[in-house]
Every structure is written in C-alpha cells, then in structure tokens.
Amino acid sequence: MPRFFVEAKPQGRVFLGGEEGRHGAKALRLRPGEEVTLCDGCGQDYLCLVEEVQREGLWLDVQEAHPSLGEPRTQVTVCQCWPKGDKLETVTQKAVELGAAEIWPLFSSRCVARPDPQAAGKKAARLQKIAKEAAQQSGRGRVPQVLAPASLEEALRAAAAQGEILFCYEKGTGSLKEALAQCGERVFLFVGPEGGFAPEEAELAQALGGKLLSLGRRILRTETAPLAALSAIFYEKGDMEL
C-alpha cells in the first residue's frame, strides 16, 4: 500500500499535494477507491481512501488511525565516519530500512573525504531526502533524522551521556552479542572510515565507557559494517520479530 508522510495529523477529508501528491497521481496512478496510508511522522498511521485524483494531487478520506508497526523498540544512532564517494548515501538508505533512529555523519582522523561546510550542508539535505524515501518504502512510522556532521570526539561524548557506545574496531575483542545483553534500548553504533579508527580514538571511546567490538574474523567495508551490525542488534533485541 502506498505510504506518504505528512506534517499534520490528518482528519476527515484532506488534500495530499506537493511532490508526494503528484507522485501518487501521476507515477503511481492511484484511482478513487484505492487505499493509501498517511503517516504523521510521530508514529501514527492513518488509513485513507482515495476520493478524487487531480493533476496536483489526491483528495483523501481518512478512515482510521492506529500506531505504526514499523518502529523498533531499540533506538540506534548510526555514527558513520565520512566515507569516500556515495557510500554515505548507501549507509543512510539501508540503515533507515533496517530501523536506525538517526544517522550521524562524523569526521575522524583517518577520513579521506572532508567536504567543506557548504558541500557538507548540501550532502546532509540529500541524505535527509534519502532517509525520508527509505522510511516510506520500508513502512517506518518516523523519518530518521540525519544529524549535522560533527567530530568523532564530540559524538562520543554526547553518546556517553545518552546511551551505550558500541565501537566497531578492527582490533576490538569484545563480542557484539555479549555487549547487547548488557545494553539498554538507546545505542550509538560507531563505524570508522575506510582506514578504520586510530588507536587513540579507540582509547577515547573505551575511556568513555564504550565497548570495543569485533564484527568477526572478516574485514568489512565501511559501508557494510553498520548494516551487518544493525541487523545483529535488532535480531538480538527482538526487533526483527513480528
């Protein structure tokens, strides 16, 4: 069923316009009588019937509301050190599909890609759009936020104050499974750039209470590691069950 995010809580008869309304009318070719779901972005879904199709959007009749079922209990912020090329787009899209609560682009000592503030701002806007599209496609009840780029140290200190730090480190020896058994439902997952984390960065993470974790005997690419770890986190926490 087509799914669209809206800013307000829809009631009665509503018009879905803008890019999403035109997409429903022209690309999806929705017709009167068909069902669509509107989501208020706060975890509530609204089942609607298409009443009328216009060039600029759809007139919908709101039938019922119910809590979204696509949000995991465990809130994971993916703290991804800035990789080369378009890998950050891949991480954002797939992490949102899997259930990430936030995407936080970071700069660490071994980051090769270091866009200037203007380029980083444009990239962040594109990533937010990708996050929204991925949330729609995967049935999420919220659009995960792409946070403003920050330094690794800044993110580590913020994470230490808010939840658990899971630090994916090539020389880490901790077990992800064992770490998750001791974690609450607020988790910050840190993944390094192509060159990994520097020893002093791992030491800072550990000093702040972070767990230095291995993801197994195989070396994963920077865009693969967060997705593998996210899948394991949600499986272990029971967020992949119906």
C-alpha atoms as a PDB file:
ATOM      1  CA  MET A   1       0.000   0.000   0.000  1.00  0.00           C
ATOM      2  CA  PRO A   2       1.410   3.436  -0.895  1.00  0.00           C
ATOM      3  CA  ARG A   3       2.676   5.368   2.104  1.00  0.00           C
ATOM      4  CA  PHE A   4       3.162   9.128   2.469  1.00  0.00           C
ATOM      5  CA  PHE A   5       4.490  11.264   5.319  1.00  0.00           C
ATOM      6  CA  VAL A   6       2.552  14.408   6.224  1.00  0.00           C
ATOM      7  CA  GLU A   7       3.345  17.200   8.664  1.00  0.00           C
ATOM      8  CA  ALA A   8      -0.028  17.449  10.414  1.00  0.00           C
ATOM      9  CA  LYS A   9      -2.380  14.842  11.852  1.00  0.00           C
ATOM     10  CA  PRO A  10      -4.909  14.269   9.043  1.00  0.00           C
ATOM     11  CA  GLN A  11      -8.618  14.260   9.821  1.00  0.00           C
ATOM     12  CA  GLY A  12     -11.732  13.984   7.674  1.00  0.00           C
ATOM     13  CA  ARG A  13     -11.190  14.919   4.055  1.00  0.00           C
ATOM     14  CA  VAL A  14      -7.639  16.026   3.220  1.00  0.00           C
ATOM     15  CA  PHE A  15      -5.704  17.009   0.130  1.00  0.00           C
ATOM     16  CA  LEU A  16      -2.311  15.416  -0.449  1.00  0.00           C
ATOM     17  CA  GLY A  17      -0.418  17.813  -2.677  1.00  0.00           C
ATOM     18  CA  GLY A  18       3.177  18.696  -3.391  1.00  0.00           C
ATOM     19  CA  GLU A  19       5.738  16.206  -4.624  1.00  0.00           C
ATOM     20  CA  GLU A  20       4.109  13.277  -2.855  1.00  0.00           C
ATOM     21  CA  GLY A  21       0.618  14.052  -4.091  1.00  0.00           C
ATOM     22  CA  ARG A  22       1.827  14.397  -7.675  1.00  0.00           C
ATOM     23  CA  HIS A  23       3.776  11.153  -7.319  1.00  0.00           C
ATOM     24  CA  GLY A  24       0.618   9.351  -6.202  1.00  0.00           C
ATOM     25  CA  ALA A  25      -1.462  10.838  -9.000  1.00  0.00           C
ATOM     26  CA  LYS A  26       0.990  10.570 -11.889  1.00  0.00           C
ATOM     27  CA  ALA A  27       3.624   7.937 -11.117  1.00  0.00           C
ATOM     28  CA  LEU A  28       1.554   5.518  -9.032  1.00  0.00           C
ATOM     29  CA  ARG A  29      -1.630   6.311 -10.978  1.00  0.00           C
ATOM     30  CA  LEU A  30      -3.827   5.887  -7.932  1.00  0.00           C
ATOM     31  CA  ARG A  31      -7.549   5.777  -8.572  1.00  0.00           C
ATOM     32  CA  PRO A  32     -10.670   6.526  -6.497  1.00  0.00           C
ATOM     33  CA  GLY A  33     -11.431   3.734  -4.081  1.00  0.00           C
ATOM     34  CA  GLU A  34      -7.817   2.667  -3.601  1.00  0.00           C
ATOM     35  CA  GLU A  35      -6.222   2.716  -0.155  1.00  0.00           C
ATOM     36  CA  VAL A  36      -3.172   4.703   0.926  1.00  0.00           C
ATOM     37  CA  THR A  37      -1.512   5.273   4.287  1.00  0.00           C
ATOM     38  CA  LEU A  38      -0.602   8.671   5.647  1.00  0.00           C
ATOM     39  CA  CYS A  39       1.906   8.860   8.484  1.00  0.00           C
ATOM     40  CA  ASP A  40       2.293  11.879  10.751  1.00  0.00           C
ATOM     41  CA  GLY A  41       5.969  11.132  11.379  1.00  0.00           C
ATOM     42  CA  CYS A  42       5.300  10.702  15.097  1.00  0.00           C
ATOM     43  CA  GLY A  43       4.462   7.013  14.996  1.00  0.00           C
ATOM     44  CA  GLN A  44       0.806   7.198  13.965  1.00  0.00           C
ATOM     45  CA  ASP A  45      -0.607   5.802  10.701  1.00  0.00           C
ATOM     46  CA  TYR A  46      -3.853   6.847   9.014  1.00  0.00           C
ATOM     47  CA  LEU A  47      -5.674   4.562   6.587  1.00  0.00           C
ATOM     48  CA  CYS A  48      -7.247   6.624   3.791  1.00  0.00           C
ATOM     49  CA  LEU A  49      -9.354   6.058   0.695  1.00  0.00           C
ATOM     50  CA  VAL A  50      -8.660   7.973  -2.497  1.00  0.00           C
ATOM     51  CA  GLU A  51     -11.758  10.059  -3.307  1.00  0.00           C
ATOM     52  CA  GLU A  52     -10.557  12.156  -6.217  1.00  0.00           C
ATOM     53  CA  VAL A  53      -7.431  12.376  -8.356  1.00  0.00           C
ATOM     54  CA  GLN A  54      -6.287  15.755  -9.656  1.00  0.00           C
ATOM     55  CA  ARG A  55      -3.276  16.937 -11.598  1.00  0.00           C
ATOM     56  CA  GLU A  56      -1.623  18.343  -8.487  1.00  0.00           C
ATOM     57  CA  GLY A  57      -2.513  15.629  -6.004  1.00  0.00           C
ATOM     58  CA  LEU A  58      -5.119  13.485  -4.291  1.00  0.00           C
ATOM     59  CA  TRP A  59      -8.231  14.082  -2.222  1.00  0.00           C
ATOM     60  CA  LEU A  60      -8.337  11.501   0.542  1.00  0.00           C
ATOM     61  CA  ASP A  61     -10.896  10.418   3.107  1.00  0.00           C
ATOM     62  CA  VAL A  62      -9.326   9.437   6.433  1.00  0.00           C
ATOM     63  CA  GLN A  63     -10.843   6.155   7.623  1.00  0.00           C
ATOM     64  CA  GLU A  64      -8.991   5.210  10.810  1.00  0.00           C
ATOM     65  CA  ALA A  65      -5.807   5.781  12.792  1.00  0.00           C
ATOM     66  CA  HIS A  66      -3.532   3.294  14.520  1.00  0.00           C
ATOM     67  CA  PRO A  67       0.053   3.176  15.849  1.00  0.00           C
ATOM     68  CA  SER A  68       2.752   2.485  13.278  1.00  0.00           C
ATOM     69  CA  LEU A  69       4.142  -1.030  13.430  1.00  0.00           C
ATOM     70  CA  GLY A  70       7.448  -0.316  11.704  1.00  0.00           C
ATOM     71  CA  GLU A  71       9.384   1.240  14.591  1.00  0.00           C
ATOM     72  CA  PRO A  72      11.833  -0.888  16.598  1.00  0.00           C
ATOM     73  CA  ARG A  73      11.968  -0.621  20.382  1.00  0.00           C
ATOM     74  CA  THR A  74      15.737  -0.197  20.344  1.00  0.00           C
ATOM     75  CA  GLN A  75      16.838   3.261  19.224  1.00  0.00           C
ATOM     76  CA  VAL A  76      20.130   3.102  17.353  1.00  0.00           C
ATOM     77  CA  THR A  77      22.051   6.126  16.116  1.00  0.00           C
ATOM     78  CA  VAL A  78      24.441   5.109  13.343  1.00  0.00           C
ATOM     79  CA  CYS A  79      27.581   7.206  13.835  1.00  0.00           C
ATOM     80  CA  GLN A  80      29.268   6.778  10.469  1.00  0.00           C
ATOM     81  CA  CYS A  81      32.648   8.373   9.815  1.00  0.00           C
ATOM     82  CA  TRP A  82      32.539  10.145   6.462  1.00  0.00           C
ATOM     83  CA  PRO A  83      33.481   7.706   3.662  1.00  0.00           C
ATOM     84  CA  LYS A  84      34.523   8.381   0.089  1.00  0.00           C
ATOM     85  CA  GLY A  85      32.126   8.680  -2.839  1.00  0.00           C
ATOM     86  CA  ASP A  86      28.433   7.975  -2.373  1.00  0.00           C
ATOM     87  CA  LYS A  87      28.843   5.324   0.337  1.00  0.00           C
ATOM     88  CA  LEU A  88      27.172   7.553   2.921  1.00  0.00           C
ATOM     89  CA  GLU A  89      24.046   7.553   0.783  1.00  0.00           C
ATOM     90  CA  THR A  90      24.031   3.753   0.738  1.00  0.00           C
ATOM     91  CA  VAL A  91      24.514   3.594   4.504  1.00  0.00           C
ATOM     92  CA  THR A  92      21.713   6.091   5.087  1.00  0.00           C
ATOM     93  CA  GLN A  93      19.218   4.326   2.854  1.00  0.00           C
ATOM     94  CA  LYS A  94      19.854   0.828   4.126  1.00  0.00           C
ATOM     95  CA  ALA A  95      20.229   1.812   7.778  1.00  0.00           C
ATOM     96  CA  VAL A  96      16.843   3.546   7.682  1.00  0.00           C
ATOM     97  CA  GLU A  97      15.271   0.483   6.077  1.00  0.00           C
ATOM     98  CA  LEU A  98      16.699  -1.692   8.843  1.00  0.00           C
ATOM     99  CA  GLY A  99      15.388   0.598  11.587  1.00  0.00           C
ATOM    100  CA  ALA A 100      18.048   3.151  12.561  1.00  0.00           C
ATOM    101  CA  ALA A 101      16.708   6.066  14.609  1.00  0.00           C
ATOM    102  CA  GLU A 102      19.321   8.580  13.404  1.00  0.00           C
ATOM    103  CA  ILE A 103      22.263   8.871  11.054  1.00  0.00           C
ATOM    104  CA  TRP A 104      25.175  10.929  12.335  1.00  0.00           C
ATOM    105  CA  PRO A 105      27.997  11.690   9.848  1.00  0.00           C
ATOM    106  CA  LEU A 106      31.314  12.154  11.643  1.00  0.00           C
ATOM    107  CA  PHE A 107      34.868  13.229  10.910  1.00  0.00           C
ATOM    108  CA  SER A 108      37.678  11.162  12.394  1.00  0.00           C
ATOM    109  CA  SER A 109      41.435  11.350  11.921  1.00  0.00           C
ATOM    110  CA  ARG A 110      41.537   8.862   9.039  1.00  0.00           C
ATOM    111  CA  CYS A 111      38.679  10.287   6.990  1.00  0.00           C
ATOM    112  CA  VAL A 112      39.883  10.895   3.443  1.00  0.00           C
ATOM    113  CA  ALA A 113      36.730  12.700   2.337  1.00  0.00           C
ATOM    114  CA  ARG A 114      36.412  16.069   4.064  1.00  0.00           C
ATOM    115  CA  PRO A 115      33.825  18.266   2.308  1.00  0.00           C
ATOM    116  CA  ASP A 116      33.743  21.969   3.082  1.00  0.00           C
ATOM    117  CA  PRO A 117      30.772  23.274   5.144  1.00  0.00           C
ATOM    118  CA  GLN A 118      28.756  24.249   2.060  1.00  0.00           C
ATOM    119  CA  ALA A 119      29.222  20.865   0.395  1.00  0.00           C
ATOM    120  CA  ALA A 120      28.501  19.078   3.674  1.00  0.00           C
ATOM    121  CA  GLY A 121      25.270  21.052   4.035  1.00  0.00           C
ATOM    122  CA  LYS A 122      24.111  20.084   0.557  1.00  0.00           C
ATOM    123  CA  LYS A 123      25.027  16.479   1.246  1.00  0.00           C
ATOM    124  CA  ALA A 124      23.086  16.483   4.501  1.00  0.00           C
ATOM    125  CA  ALA A 125      19.974  17.755   2.712  1.00  0.00           C
ATOM    126  CA  ARG A 126      20.259  14.991   0.131  1.00  0.00           C
ATOM    127  CA  LEU A 127      20.774  12.389   2.840  1.00  0.00           C
ATOM    128  CA  GLN A 128      17.644  13.595   4.637  1.00  0.00           C
ATOM    129  CA  LYS A 129      15.649  13.154   1.442  1.00  0.00           C
ATOM    130  CA  ILE A 130      17.060   9.650   1.032  1.00  0.00           C
ATOM    131  CA  ALA A 131      16.117   8.885   4.634  1.00  0.00           C
ATOM    132  CA  LYS A 132      12.543  10.021   4.055  1.00  0.00           C
ATOM    133  CA  GLU A 133      12.161   7.948   0.892  1.00  0.00           C
ATOM    134  CA  ALA A 134      13.616   4.888   2.629  1.00  0.00           C
ATOM    135  CA  ALA A 135      11.270   5.377   5.593  1.00  0.00           C
ATOM    136  CA  GLN A 136       8.267   5.484   3.250  1.00  0.00           C
ATOM    137  CA  GLN A 137       9.367   2.416   1.313  1.00  0.00           C
ATOM    138  CA  SER A 138      10.050   0.335   4.412  1.00  0.00           C
ATOM    139  CA  GLY A 139       6.921   1.204   6.373  1.00  0.00           C
ATOM    140  CA  ARG A 140       8.571   3.261   9.101  1.00  0.00           C
ATOM    141  CA  GLY A 141       6.461   5.340  11.454  1.00  0.00           C
ATOM    142  CA  ARG A 142       9.048   8.105  11.723  1.00  0.00           C
ATOM    143  CA  VAL A 143      11.557   9.726   9.396  1.00  0.00           C
ATOM    144  CA  PRO A 144      15.002   9.243  10.965  1.00  0.00           C
ATOM    145  CA  GLN A 145      16.999  12.434  11.212  1.00  0.00           C
ATOM    146  CA  VAL A 146      20.352  12.972   9.551  1.00  0.00           C
ATOM    147  CA  LEU A 147      22.231  14.966  12.174  1.00  0.00           C
ATOM    148  CA  ALA A 148      24.671  17.767  11.416  1.00  0.00           C
ATOM    149  CA  PRO A 149      28.223  16.476  10.816  1.00  0.00           C
ATOM    150  CA  ALA A 150      30.406  16.508  13.924  1.00  0.00           C
ATOM    151  CA  SER A 151      33.803  15.390  15.153  1.00  0.00           C
ATOM    152  CA  LEU A 152      34.250  11.880  16.478  1.00  0.00           C
ATOM    153  CA  GLU A 153      35.123  13.185  19.943  1.00  0.00           C
ATOM    154  CA  GLU A 154      32.018  15.358  20.075  1.00  0.00           C
ATOM    155  CA  ALA A 155      29.819  12.398  19.136  1.00  0.00           C
ATOM    156  CA  LEU A 156      31.492  10.051  21.611  1.00  0.00           C
ATOM    157  CA  ARG A 157      30.977  12.442  24.499  1.00  0.00           C
ATOM    158  CA  ALA A 158      27.342  13.026  23.544  1.00  0.00           C
ATOM    159  CA  ALA A 159      26.746   9.286  23.208  1.00  0.00           C
ATOM    160  CA  ALA A 160      28.316   8.565  26.593  1.00  0.00           C
ATOM    161  CA  ALA A 161      25.810  10.923  28.207  1.00  0.00           C
ATOM    162  CA  GLN A 162      22.781   9.432  26.466  1.00  0.00           C
ATOM    163  CA  GLY A 163      23.248   5.705  25.993  1.00  0.00           C
ATOM    164  CA  GLU A 164      25.587   2.844  25.156  1.00  0.00           C
ATOM    165  CA  ILE A 165      28.623   3.181  22.866  1.00  0.00           C
ATOM    166  CA  LEU A 166      29.214   0.224  20.552  1.00  0.00           C
ATOM    167  CA  PHE A 167      32.535   0.926  18.861  1.00  0.00           C
ATOM    168  CA  CYS A 168      33.368  -1.262  15.853  1.00  0.00           C
ATOM    169  CA  TYR A 169      37.138  -1.584  15.904  1.00  0.00           C
ATOM    170  CA  GLU A 170      39.445  -3.751  13.810  1.00  0.00           C
ATOM    171  CA  LYS A 171      41.476  -4.616  16.927  1.00  0.00           C
ATOM    172  CA  GLY A 172      38.452  -4.913  19.176  1.00  0.00           C
ATOM    173  CA  THR A 173      37.942  -8.182  21.006  1.00  0.00           C
ATOM    174  CA  GLY A 174      34.509  -7.652  22.533  1.00  0.00           C
ATOM    175  CA  SER A 175      31.517  -9.722  21.450  1.00  0.00           C
ATOM    176  CA  LEU A 176      28.573  -7.814  19.988  1.00  0.00           C
ATOM    177  CA  LYS A 177      26.207 -10.468  21.300  1.00  0.00           C
ATOM    178  CA  GLU A 178      27.534 -10.147  24.845  1.00  0.00           C
ATOM    179  CA  ALA A 179      27.549  -6.353  24.670  1.00  0.00           C
ATOM    180  CA  LEU A 180      23.908  -6.283  23.614  1.00  0.00           C
ATOM    181  CA  ALA A 181      22.919  -8.484  26.530  1.00  0.00           C
ATOM    182  CA  GLN A 182      24.040  -5.664  28.815  1.00  0.00           C
ATOM    183  CA  CYS A 183      22.711  -2.747  26.731  1.00  0.00           C
ATOM    184  CA  GLY A 184      19.547  -0.800  27.208  1.00  0.00           C
ATOM    185  CA  GLU A 185      17.379   0.462  24.377  1.00  0.00           C
ATOM    186  CA  ARG A 186      19.467   3.547  23.483  1.00  0.00           C
ATOM    187  CA  VAL A 187      22.523   2.634  21.452  1.00  0.00           C
ATOM    188  CA  PHE A 188      25.149   4.567  19.492  1.00  0.00           C
ATOM    189  CA  LEU A 189      26.907   2.475  16.847  1.00  0.00           C
ATOM    190  CA  PHE A 190      30.285   3.860  15.732  1.00  0.00           C
ATOM    191  CA  VAL A 191      31.845   2.829  12.411  1.00  0.00           C
ATOM    192  CA  GLY A 192      35.147   4.140  11.098  1.00  0.00           C
ATOM    193  CA  PRO A 193      36.080   5.344   7.596  1.00  0.00           C
ATOM    194  CA  GLU A 194      37.980   3.297   5.014  1.00  0.00           C
ATOM    195  CA  GLY A 195      41.147   3.361   7.122  1.00  0.00           C
ATOM    196  CA  GLY A 196      39.390   2.428  10.329  1.00  0.00           C
ATOM    197  CA  PHE A 197      39.820   4.115  13.707  1.00  0.00           C
ATOM    198  CA  ALA A 198      43.165   5.282  15.087  1.00  0.00           C
ATOM    199  CA  PRO A 199      44.312   3.662  18.366  1.00  0.00           C
ATOM    200  CA  GLU A 200      43.890   6.915  20.291  1.00  0.00           C
ATOM    201  CA  GLU A 201      40.278   7.173  19.085  1.00  0.00           C
ATOM    202  CA  ALA A 202      39.556   3.670  20.337  1.00  0.00           C
ATOM    203  CA  GLU A 203      41.182   4.581  23.662  1.00  0.00           C
ATOM    204  CA  LEU A 204      38.901   7.619  23.999  1.00  0.00           C
ATOM    205  CA  ALA A 205      35.842   5.511  23.257  1.00  0.00           C
ATOM    206  CA  GLN A 206      36.878   2.985  25.872  1.00  0.00           C
ATOM    207  CA  ALA A 207      37.637   5.698  28.427  1.00  0.00           C
ATOM    208  CA  LEU A 208      34.083   6.996  27.962  1.00  0.00           C
ATOM    209  CA  GLY A 209      32.616   3.578  28.671  1.00  0.00           C
ATOM    210  CA  GLY A 210      32.417   2.336  25.086  1.00  0.00           C
ATOM    211  CA  LYS A 211      32.742  -1.310  24.174  1.00  0.00           C
ATOM    212  CA  LEU A 212      35.434  -2.064  21.554  1.00  0.00           C
ATOM    213  CA  LEU A 213      33.776  -4.703  19.417  1.00  0.00           C
ATOM    214  CA  SER A 214      34.780  -7.116  16.709  1.00  0.00           C
ATOM    215  CA  LEU A 215      32.361  -7.990  13.928  1.00  0.00           C
ATOM    216  CA  GLY A 216      34.104 -11.277  13.256  1.00  0.00           C
ATOM    217  CA  ARG A 217      37.201 -12.536  11.508  1.00  0.00           C
ATOM    218  CA  ARG A 218      36.413 -10.888   8.196  1.00  0.00           C
ATOM    219  CA  ILE A 219      37.215  -7.249   7.492  1.00  0.00           C
ATOM    220  CA  LEU A 220      34.057  -5.454   6.384  1.00  0.00           C
ATOM    221  CA  ARG A 221      33.944  -2.360   4.217  1.00  0.00           C
ATOM    222  CA  THR A 222      32.918   0.862   5.902  1.00  0.00           C
ATOM    223  CA  GLU A 223      29.519   0.764   4.183  1.00  0.00           C
ATOM    224  CA  THR A 224      28.967  -2.903   5.066  1.00  0.00           C
ATOM    225  CA  ALA A 225      29.877  -2.832   8.756  1.00  0.00           C
ATOM    226  CA  PRO A 226      26.986  -0.652  10.036  1.00  0.00           C
ATOM    227  CA  LEU A 227      24.413  -2.696   8.145  1.00  0.00           C
ATOM    228  CA  ALA A 228      25.760  -6.006   9.429  1.00  0.00           C
ATOM    229  CA  ALA A 229      25.888  -4.640  12.978  1.00  0.00           C
ATOM    230  CA  LEU A 230      22.395  -3.132  12.773  1.00  0.00           C
ATOM    231  CA  SER A 231      20.935  -6.434  11.617  1.00  0.00           C
ATOM    232  CA  ALA A 232      22.608  -8.221  14.528  1.00  0.00           C
ATOM    233  CA  ILE A 233      21.463  -5.584  17.028  1.00  0.00           C
ATOM    234  CA  PHE A 234      17.817  -5.736  16.007  1.00  0.00           C
ATOM    235  CA  TYR A 235      17.852  -9.527  15.849  1.00  0.00           C
ATOM    236  CA  GLU A 236      19.341  -9.856  19.324  1.00  0.00           C
ATOM    237  CA  LYS A 237      16.960  -7.248  20.732  1.00  0.00           C
ATOM    238  CA  GLY A 238      13.913  -8.974  19.246  1.00  0.00           C
ATOM    239  CA  ASP A 239      13.133  -6.155  16.829  1.00  0.00           C
ATOM    240  CA  MET A 240      13.052  -8.454  13.806  1.00  0.00           C
ATOM    241  CA  GLU A 241      10.110 -10.452  15.107  1.00  0.00           C
ATOM    242  CA  LEU A 242       6.516  -9.889  14.011  1.00  0.00           C
END
